[in-house]
Amino acid sequence: MAFFPPYDHVDIIEGQGTCMVEVEEQAQDLWGVGAHPDIVLCPVGGGGLMSGVAIASKGFWGKKGVSVIGAEPTGVHSSLYWIMETLMH
């Protein structure tokens, strides 16, 4: 049996990014061909979804000014702790 981490694996990140296919389709339906969102808010915990969303956004919209922003729920500070640990050591 193979173990795949829930967020830190290329296959997981790639799979998480597929949610942006739906965003791309809806952007086209709502705003027309070539349209894109200005901002994509993404929940962040381990980083797999955020990584996939950022990579897919870059693939769909390139350098068109789409900002991907990670949002962490109040009381769940896994990303904040990781950033602090990384910067402190």
PDB file of N, CA and C in Angstrom:
ATOM      1  N   MET A   1       0.846  -1.179   0.000  1.00  0.00           N
ATOM      2  CA  MET A   1       0.000   0.000   0.000  1.00  0.00           C
ATOM      3  C   MET A   1       0.891   1.242   0.000  1.00  0.00           C
ATOM      4  N   ALA A   2       0.597   2.177  -0.874  1.00  0.00           N
ATOM      5  CA  ALA A   2       1.361   3.416  -0.974  1.00  0.00           C
ATOM      6  C   ALA A   2       0.737   4.481  -0.087  1.00  0.00           C
ATOM      7  N   PHE A   3       1.571   5.304   0.484  1.00  0.00           N
ATOM      8  CA  PHE A   3       1.109   6.428   1.300  1.00  0.00           C
ATOM      9  C   PHE A   3       1.304   7.720   0.525  1.00  0.00           C
ATOM     10  N   PHE A   4       0.254   8.497   0.404  1.00  0.00           N
ATOM     11  CA  PHE A   4       0.336   9.819  -0.193  1.00  0.00           C
ATOM     12  C   PHE A   4      -0.024  10.838   0.878  1.00  0.00           C
ATOM     13  N   PRO A   5       0.860  11.775   1.147  1.00  0.00           N
ATOM     14  CA  PRO A   5       0.522  12.803   2.125  1.00  0.00           C
ATOM     15  C   PRO A   5      -0.692  13.593   1.655  1.00  0.00           C
ATOM     16  N   PRO A   6      -1.477  14.112   2.556  1.00  0.00           N
ATOM     17  CA  PRO A   6      -2.721  14.789   2.167  1.00  0.00           C
ATOM     18  C   PRO A   6      -2.525  16.123   1.451  1.00  0.00           C
ATOM     19  N   TYR A   7      -1.303  16.642   1.411  1.00  0.00           N
ATOM     20  CA  TYR A   7      -1.112  17.942   0.764  1.00  0.00           C
ATOM     21  C   TYR A   7       0.263  18.104   0.118  1.00  0.00           C
ATOM     22  N   ASP A   8       1.263  17.418   0.588  1.00  0.00           N
ATOM     23  CA  ASP A   8       2.636  17.653   0.155  1.00  0.00           C
ATOM     24  C   ASP A   8       3.101  16.601  -0.853  1.00  0.00           C
ATOM     25  N   HIS A   9       2.381  16.501  -1.964  1.00  0.00           N
ATOM     26  CA  HIS A   9       2.732  15.541  -3.002  1.00  0.00           C
ATOM     27  C   HIS A   9       2.253  16.108  -4.334  1.00  0.00           C
ATOM     28  N   VAL A  10       3.070  15.987  -5.364  1.00  0.00           N
ATOM     29  CA  VAL A  10       2.756  16.586  -6.657  1.00  0.00           C
ATOM     30  C   VAL A  10       1.410  16.109  -7.218  1.00  0.00           C
ATOM     31  N   ASP A  11       1.080  14.840  -7.044  1.00  0.00           N
ATOM     32  CA  ASP A  11      -0.202  14.332  -7.553  1.00  0.00           C
ATOM     33  C   ASP A  11      -1.382  14.951  -6.815  1.00  0.00           C
ATOM     34  N   ILE A  12      -1.230  15.157  -5.535  1.00  0.00           N
ATOM     35  CA  ILE A  12      -2.300  15.768  -4.730  1.00  0.00           C
ATOM     36  C   ILE A  12      -2.472  17.230  -5.135  1.00  0.00           C
ATOM     37  N   ILE A  13      -1.374  17.947  -5.244  1.00  0.00           N
ATOM     38  CA  ILE A  13      -1.438  19.358  -5.638  1.00  0.00           C
ATOM     39  C   ILE A  13      -2.076  19.498  -7.020  1.00  0.00           C
ATOM     40  N   GLU A  14      -1.669  18.639  -7.940  1.00  0.00           N
ATOM     41  CA  GLU A  14      -2.242  18.669  -9.288  1.00  0.00           C
ATOM     42  C   GLU A  14      -3.748  18.414  -9.252  1.00  0.00           C
ATOM     43  N   GLY A  15      -4.158  17.434  -8.477  1.00  0.00           N
ATOM     44  CA  GLY A  15      -5.583  17.123  -8.358  1.00  0.00           C
ATOM     45  C   GLY A  15      -6.372  18.247  -7.720  1.00  0.00           C
ATOM     46  N   GLN A  16      -5.790  18.871  -6.700  1.00  0.00           N
ATOM     47  CA  GLN A  16      -6.482  19.989  -6.031  1.00  0.00           C
ATOM     48  C   GLN A  16      -6.700  21.152  -7.003  1.00  0.00           C
ATOM     49  N   GLY A  17      -5.743  21.341  -7.905  1.00  0.00           N
ATOM     50  CA  GLY A  17      -5.849  22.443  -8.862  1.00  0.00           C
ATOM     51  C   GLY A  17      -6.965  22.283  -9.868  1.00  0.00           C
ATOM     52  N   THR A  18      -7.482  21.071 -10.017  1.00  0.00           N
ATOM     53  CA  THR A  18      -8.550  20.859 -11.002  1.00  0.00           C
ATOM     54  C   THR A  18      -9.830  21.609 -10.654  1.00  0.00           C
ATOM     55  N   CYS A  19      -9.984  22.047  -9.401  1.00  0.00           N
ATOM     56  CA  CYS A  19     -11.173  22.833  -9.047  1.00  0.00           C
ATOM     57  C   CYS A  19     -11.209  24.146  -9.829  1.00  0.00           C
ATOM     58  N   MET A  20     -10.056  24.579 -10.301  1.00  0.00           N
ATOM     59  CA  MET A  20     -10.009  25.825 -11.058  1.00  0.00           C
ATOM     60  C   MET A  20     -10.592  25.679 -12.462  1.00  0.00           C
ATOM     61  N   VAL A  21     -10.753  24.454 -12.946  1.00  0.00           N
ATOM     62  CA  VAL A  21     -11.429  24.239 -14.229  1.00  0.00           C
ATOM     63  C   VAL A  21     -12.857  24.773 -14.127  1.00  0.00           C
ATOM     64  N   GLU A  22     -13.519  24.496 -13.024  1.00  0.00           N
ATOM     65  CA  GLU A  22     -14.878  24.991 -12.798  1.00  0.00           C
ATOM     66  C   GLU A  22     -14.903  26.510 -12.708  1.00  0.00           C
ATOM     67  N   VAL A  23     -13.935  27.091 -12.032  1.00  0.00           N
ATOM     68  CA  VAL A  23     -13.855  28.553 -11.929  1.00  0.00           C
ATOM     69  C   VAL A  23     -13.661  29.168 -13.314  1.00  0.00           C
ATOM     70  N   GLU A  24     -12.777  28.579 -14.103  1.00  0.00           N
ATOM     71  CA  GLU A  24     -12.536  29.077 -15.471  1.00  0.00           C
ATOM     72  C   GLU A  24     -13.814  29.025 -16.304  1.00  0.00           C
ATOM     73  N   GLU A  25     -14.536  27.913 -16.230  1.00  0.00           N
ATOM     74  CA  GLU A  25     -15.780  27.777 -16.999  1.00  0.00           C
ATOM     75  C   GLU A  25     -16.819  28.798 -16.549  1.00  0.00           C
ATOM     76  N   GLN A  26     -16.937  28.988 -15.243  1.00  0.00           N
ATOM     77  CA  GLN A  26     -17.917  29.946 -14.741  1.00  0.00           C
ATOM     78  C   GLN A  26     -17.528  31.385 -15.090  1.00  0.00           C
ATOM     79  N   ALA A  27     -16.250  31.689 -15.081  1.00  0.00           N
ATOM     80  CA  ALA A  27     -15.813  33.036 -15.468  1.00  0.00           C
ATOM     81  C   ALA A  27     -16.207  33.322 -16.913  1.00  0.00           C
ATOM     82  N   GLN A  28     -16.022  32.334 -17.778  1.00  0.00           N
ATOM     83  CA  GLN A  28     -16.395  32.501 -19.184  1.00  0.00           C
ATOM     84  C   GLN A  28     -17.905  32.680 -19.332  1.00  0.00           C
ATOM     85  N   ASP A  29     -18.673  31.877 -18.580  1.00  0.00           N
ATOM     86  CA  ASP A  29     -20.138  31.967 -18.655  1.00  0.00           C
ATOM     87  C   ASP A  29     -20.650  33.307 -18.124  1.00  0.00           C
ATOM     88  N   LEU A  30     -20.041  33.802 -17.049  1.00  0.00           N
ATOM     89  CA  LEU A  30     -20.517  35.038 -16.420  1.00  0.00           C
ATOM     90  C   LEU A  30     -20.056  36.296 -17.139  1.00  0.00           C
ATOM     91  N   TRP A  31     -18.781  36.326 -17.535  1.00  0.00           N
ATOM     92  CA  TRP A  31     -18.197  37.570 -18.030  1.00  0.00           C
ATOM     93  C   TRP A  31     -17.747  37.513 -19.476  1.00  0.00           C
ATOM     94  N   GLY A  32     -17.814  36.361 -20.112  1.00  0.00           N
ATOM     95  CA  GLY A  32     -17.425  36.260 -21.513  1.00  0.00           C
ATOM     96  C   GLY A  32     -16.037  35.677 -21.713  1.00  0.00           C
ATOM     97  N   VAL A  33     -15.738  35.357 -22.951  1.00  0.00           N
ATOM     98  CA  VAL A  33     -14.471  34.730 -23.315  1.00  0.00           C
ATOM     99  C   VAL A  33     -13.309  35.654 -22.955  1.00  0.00           C
ATOM    100  N   GLY A  34     -12.296  35.076 -22.353  1.00  0.00           N
ATOM    101  CA  GLY A  34     -11.116  35.839 -21.966  1.00  0.00           C
ATOM    102  C   GLY A  34     -11.210  36.494 -20.600  1.00  0.00           C
ATOM    103  N   ALA A  35     -12.376  36.376 -19.977  1.00  0.00           N
ATOM    104  CA  ALA A  35     -12.555  36.991 -18.663  1.00  0.00           C
ATOM    105  C   ALA A  35     -11.819  36.187 -17.597  1.00  0.00           C
ATOM    106  N   HIS A  36     -11.497  36.858 -16.518  1.00  0.00           N
ATOM    107  CA  HIS A  36     -10.832  36.198 -15.393  1.00  0.00           C
ATOM    108  C   HIS A  36     -11.167  36.946 -14.110  1.00  0.00           C
ATOM    109  N   PRO A  37     -11.094  36.254 -12.993  1.00  0.00           N
ATOM    110  CA  PRO A  37     -11.318  36.944 -11.718  1.00  0.00           C
ATOM    111  C   PRO A  37     -10.103  37.814 -11.378  1.00  0.00           C
ATOM    112  N   ASP A  38     -10.314  38.830 -10.577  1.00  0.00           N
ATOM    113  CA  ASP A  38      -9.200  39.646 -10.099  1.00  0.00           C
ATOM    114  C   ASP A  38      -8.511  38.979  -8.915  1.00  0.00           C
ATOM    115  N   ILE A  39      -9.323  38.335  -8.076  1.00  0.00           N
ATOM    116  CA  ILE A  39      -8.821  37.706  -6.851  1.00  0.00           C
ATOM    117  C   ILE A  39      -9.452  36.332  -6.702  1.00  0.00           C
ATOM    118  N   VAL A  40      -8.651  35.367  -6.278  1.00  0.00           N
ATOM    119  CA  VAL A  40      -9.150  34.044  -5.904  1.00  0.00           C
ATOM    120  C   VAL A  40      -8.800  33.843  -4.439  1.00  0.00           C
ATOM    121  N   LEU A  41      -9.814  33.723  -3.593  1.00  0.00           N
ATOM    122  CA  LEU A  41      -9.599  33.417  -2.178  1.00  0.00           C
ATOM    123  C   LEU A  41      -9.613  31.907  -2.017  1.00  0.00           C
ATOM    124  N   CYS A  42      -8.628  31.396  -1.311  1.00  0.00           N
ATOM    125  CA  CYS A  42      -8.478  29.947  -1.189  1.00  0.00           C
ATOM    126  C   CYS A  42      -8.225  29.577   0.265  1.00  0.00           C
ATOM    127  N   PRO A  43      -8.974  28.606   0.796  1.00  0.00           N
ATOM    128  CA  PRO A  43      -8.660  28.154   2.150  1.00  0.00           C
ATOM    129  C   PRO A  43      -7.283  27.506   2.171  1.00  0.00           C
ATOM    130  N   VAL A  44      -6.558  27.747   3.237  1.00  0.00           N
ATOM    131  CA  VAL A  44      -5.207  27.196   3.326  1.00  0.00           C
ATOM    132  C   VAL A  44      -5.023  26.502   4.677  1.00  0.00           C
ATOM    133  N   GLY A  45      -4.452  25.334   4.622  1.00  0.00           N
ATOM    134  CA  GLY A  45      -4.131  24.564   5.823  1.00  0.00           C
ATOM    135  C   GLY A  45      -2.762  23.963   5.620  1.00  0.00           C
ATOM    136  N   GLY A  46      -2.729  22.843   4.922  1.00  0.00           N
ATOM    137  CA  GLY A  46      -1.462  22.205   4.620  1.00  0.00           C
ATOM    138  C   GLY A  46      -0.781  22.784   3.402  1.00  0.00           C
ATOM    139  N   GLY A  47      -1.534  23.415   2.537  1.00  0.00           N
ATOM    140  CA  GLY A  47      -0.958  24.068   1.375  1.00  0.00           C
ATOM    141  C   GLY A  47      -1.211  23.386   0.048  1.00  0.00           C
ATOM    142  N   GLY A  48      -1.768  22.179   0.042  1.00  0.00           N
ATOM    143  CA  GLY A  48      -2.002  21.458  -1.202  1.00  0.00           C
ATOM    144  C   GLY A  48      -3.010  22.144  -2.097  1.00  0.00           C
ATOM    145  N   LEU A  49      -4.139  22.532  -1.539  1.00  0.00           N
ATOM    146  CA  LEU A  49      -5.176  23.214  -2.322  1.00  0.00           C
ATOM    147  C   LEU A  49      -4.661  24.558  -2.802  1.00  0.00           C
ATOM    148  N   MET A  50      -4.048  25.296  -1.921  1.00  0.00           N
ATOM    149  CA  MET A  50      -3.512  26.618  -2.273  1.00  0.00           C
ATOM    150  C   MET A  50      -2.485  26.507  -3.400  1.00  0.00           C
ATOM    151  N   SER A  51      -1.608  25.528  -3.306  1.00  0.00           N
ATOM    152  CA  SER A  51      -0.593  25.328  -4.350  1.00  0.00           C
ATOM    153  C   SER A  51      -1.249  24.987  -5.680  1.00  0.00           C
ATOM    154  N   GLY A  52      -2.214  24.070  -5.658  1.00  0.00           N
ATOM    155  CA  GLY A  52      -2.905  23.679  -6.878  1.00  0.00           C
ATOM    156  C   GLY A  52      -3.661  24.830  -7.510  1.00  0.00           C
ATOM    157  N   VAL A  53      -4.332  25.620  -6.682  1.00  0.00           N
ATOM    158  CA  VAL A  53      -5.089  26.773  -7.171  1.00  0.00           C
ATOM    159  C   VAL A  53      -4.145  27.814  -7.778  1.00  0.00           C
ATOM    160  N   ALA A  54      -3.028  28.067  -7.121  1.00  0.00           N
ATOM    161  CA  ALA A  54      -2.073  29.057  -7.634  1.00  0.00           C
ATOM    162  C   ALA A  54      -1.477  28.606  -8.970  1.00  0.00           C
ATOM    163  N   ILE A  55      -1.095  27.341  -9.059  1.00  0.00           N
ATOM    164  CA  ILE A  55      -0.519  26.824 -10.307  1.00  0.00           C
ATOM    165  C   ILE A  55      -1.546  26.846 -11.433  1.00  0.00           C
ATOM    166  N   ALA A  56      -2.766  26.403 -11.140  1.00  0.00           N
ATOM    167  CA  ALA A  56      -3.816  26.389 -12.167  1.00  0.00           C
ATOM    168  C   ALA A  56      -4.186  27.807 -12.590  1.00  0.00           C
ATOM    169  N   SER A  57      -4.238  28.740 -11.653  1.00  0.00           N
ATOM    170  CA  SER A  57      -4.552  30.133 -11.985  1.00  0.00           C
ATOM    171  C   SER A  57      -3.510  30.706 -12.933  1.00  0.00           C
ATOM    172  N   LYS A  58      -2.257  30.424 -12.650  1.00  0.00           N
ATOM    173  CA  LYS A  58      -1.172  30.881 -13.525  1.00  0.00           C
ATOM    174  C   LYS A  58      -1.319  30.241 -14.910  1.00  0.00           C
ATOM    175  N   GLY A  59      -1.695  28.954 -14.944  1.00  0.00           N
ATOM    176  CA  GLY A  59      -1.880  28.270 -16.221  1.00  0.00           C
ATOM    177  C   GLY A  59      -3.035  28.820 -17.035  1.00  0.00           C
ATOM    178  N   PHE A  60      -4.138  29.156 -16.370  1.00  0.00           N
ATOM    179  CA  PHE A  60      -5.307  29.680 -17.080  1.00  0.00           C
ATOM    180  C   PHE A  60      -5.127  31.136 -17.495  1.00  0.00           C
ATOM    181  N   TRP A  61      -4.630  31.954 -16.563  1.00  0.00           N
ATOM    182  CA  TRP A  61      -4.661  33.394 -16.786  1.00  0.00           C
ATOM    183  C   TRP A  61      -3.293  34.046 -16.865  1.00  0.00           C
ATOM    184  N   GLY A  62      -2.237  33.283 -16.751  1.00  0.00           N
ATOM    185  CA  GLY A  62      -0.889  33.833 -16.899  1.00  0.00           C
ATOM    186  C   GLY A  62      -0.634  35.049 -16.042  1.00  0.00           C
ATOM    187  N   LYS A  63      -0.204  36.103 -16.678  1.00  0.00           N
ATOM    188  CA  LYS A  63       0.167  37.333 -15.963  1.00  0.00           C
ATOM    189  C   LYS A  63      -0.908  38.404 -16.092  1.00  0.00           C
ATOM    190  N   LYS A  64      -2.158  38.009 -15.994  1.00  0.00           N
ATOM    191  CA  LYS A  64      -3.263  38.968 -16.155  1.00  0.00           C
ATOM    192  C   LYS A  64      -3.664  39.627 -14.839  1.00  0.00           C
ATOM    193  N   GLY A  65      -2.836  39.528 -13.827  1.00  0.00           N
ATOM    194  CA  GLY A  65      -3.115  40.222 -12.578  1.00  0.00           C
ATOM    195  C   GLY A  65      -4.082  39.505 -11.654  1.00  0.00           C
ATOM    196  N   VAL A  66      -4.191  38.191 -11.753  1.00  0.00           N
ATOM    197  CA  VAL A  66      -5.052  37.440 -10.854  1.00  0.00           C
ATOM    198  C   VAL A  66      -4.263  37.153  -9.572  1.00  0.00           C
ATOM    199  N   SER A  67      -4.766  37.641  -8.456  1.00  0.00           N
ATOM    200  CA  SER A  67      -4.123  37.407  -7.163  1.00  0.00           C
ATOM    201  C   SER A  67      -4.766  36.213  -6.480  1.00  0.00           C
ATOM    202  N   VAL A  68      -3.949  35.299  -5.998  1.00  0.00           N
ATOM    203  CA  VAL A  68      -4.440  34.158  -5.222  1.00  0.00           C
ATOM    204  C   VAL A  68      -4.064  34.423  -3.765  1.00  0.00           C
ATOM    205  N   ILE A  69      -5.083  34.486  -2.916  1.00  0.00           N
ATOM    206  CA  ILE A  69      -4.878  34.840  -1.515  1.00  0.00           C
ATOM    207  C   ILE A  69      -5.339  33.687  -0.641  1.00  0.00           C
ATOM    208  N   GLY A  70      -4.471  33.264   0.263  1.00  0.00           N
ATOM    209  CA  GLY A  70      -4.808  32.195   1.200  1.00  0.00           C
ATOM    210  C   GLY A  70      -5.565  32.748   2.393  1.00  0.00           C
ATOM    211  N   ALA A  71      -6.629  32.081   2.769  1.00  0.00           N
ATOM    212  CA  ALA A  71      -7.436  32.472   3.931  1.00  0.00           C
ATOM    213  C   ALA A  71      -7.465  31.311   4.912  1.00  0.00           C
ATOM    214  N   GLU A  72      -7.088  31.590   6.138  1.00  0.00           N
ATOM    215  CA  GLU A  72      -7.039  30.550   7.166  1.00  0.00           C
ATOM    216  C   GLU A  72      -8.139  30.811   8.183  1.00  0.00           C
ATOM    217  N   PRO A  73      -8.911  29.787   8.536  1.00  0.00           N
ATOM    218  CA  PRO A  73      -9.995  29.983   9.496  1.00  0.00           C
ATOM    219  C   PRO A  73      -9.484  30.444  10.865  1.00  0.00           C
ATOM    220  N   THR A  74     -10.260  31.274  11.527  1.00  0.00           N
ATOM    221  CA  THR A  74      -9.926  31.698  12.875  1.00  0.00           C
ATOM    222  C   THR A  74      -9.821  30.481  13.783  1.00  0.00           C
ATOM    223  N   GLY A  75      -8.776  30.436  14.572  1.00  0.00           N
ATOM    224  CA  GLY A  75      -8.606  29.330  15.510  1.00  0.00           C
ATOM    225  C   GLY A  75      -7.848  28.143  14.946  1.00  0.00           C
ATOM    226  N   VAL A  76      -7.564  28.156  13.655  1.00  0.00           N
ATOM    227  CA  VAL A  76      -6.805  27.068  13.026  1.00  0.00           C
ATOM    228  C   VAL A  76      -5.595  27.711  12.365  1.00  0.00           C
ATOM    229  N   HIS A  77      -4.470  27.677  13.065  1.00  0.00           N
ATOM    230  CA  HIS A  77      -3.323  28.449  12.616  1.00  0.00           C
ATOM    231  C   HIS A  77      -2.175  27.597  12.095  1.00  0.00           C
ATOM    232  N   SER A  78      -2.478  26.501  11.424  1.00  0.00           N
ATOM    233  CA  SER A  78      -1.407  25.615  10.959  1.00  0.00           C
ATOM    234  C   SER A  78      -0.462  26.314   9.990  1.00  0.00           C
ATOM    235  N   SER A  79      -0.980  27.093   9.076  1.00  0.00           N
ATOM    236  CA  SER A  79      -0.118  27.796   8.118  1.00  0.00           C
ATOM    237  C   SER A  79       0.672  28.898   8.797  1.00  0.00           C
ATOM    238  N   LEU A  80       0.029  29.635   9.673  1.00  0.00           N
ATOM    239  CA  LEU A  80       0.715  30.690  10.408  1.00  0.00           C
ATOM    240  C   LEU A  80       1.873  30.108  11.217  1.00  0.00           C
ATOM    241  N   TYR A  81       1.637  28.995  11.920  1.00  0.00           N
ATOM    242  CA  TYR A  81       2.702  28.372  12.705  1.00  0.00           C
ATOM    243  C   TYR A  81       3.833  27.889  11.814  1.00  0.00           C
ATOM    244  N   TRP A  82       3.513  27.332  10.653  1.00  0.00           N
ATOM    245  CA  TRP A  82       4.548  26.871   9.741  1.00  0.00           C
ATOM    246  C   TRP A  82       5.401  28.037   9.262  1.00  0.00           C
ATOM    247  N   ILE A  83       4.747  29.128   8.895  1.00  0.00           N
ATOM    248  CA  ILE A  83       5.485  30.309   8.432  1.00  0.00           C
ATOM    249  C   ILE A  83       6.384  30.836   9.542  1.00  0.00           C
ATOM    250  N   MET A  84       5.850  30.931  10.752  1.00  0.00           N
ATOM    251  CA  MET A  84       6.654  31.429  11.864  1.00  0.00           C
ATOM    252  C   MET A  84       7.827  30.503  12.169  1.00  0.00           C
ATOM    253  N   GLU A  85       7.594  29.216  12.142  1.00  0.00           N
ATOM    254  CA  GLU A  85       8.674  28.243  12.392  1.00  0.00           C
ATOM    255  C   GLU A  85       9.737  28.344  11.311  1.00  0.00           C
ATOM    256  N   THR A  86       9.315  28.484  10.074  1.00  0.00           N
ATOM    257  CA  THR A  86      10.245  28.562   8.960  1.00  0.00           C
ATOM    258  C   THR A  86      11.089  29.819   9.033  1.00  0.00           C
ATOM    259  N   LEU A  87      10.458  30.939   9.350  1.00  0.00           N
ATOM    260  CA  LEU A  87      11.183  32.207   9.395  1.00  0.00           C
ATOM    261  C   LEU A  87      12.081  32.306  10.625  1.00  0.00           C
ATOM    262  N   MET A  88      11.702  31.649  11.708  1.00  0.00           N
ATOM    263  CA  MET A  88      12.461  31.754  12.955  1.00  0.00           C
ATOM    264  C   MET A  88      13.680  30.850  12.972  1.00  0.00           C
ATOM    265  N   HIS A  89      13.729  29.853  12.102  1.00  0.00           N
ATOM    266  CA  HIS A  89      14.865  28.910  12.140  1.00  0.00           C
ATOM    267  C   HIS A  89      15.712  28.991  10.929  1.00  0.00           C
TER     268      HIS A  89
END
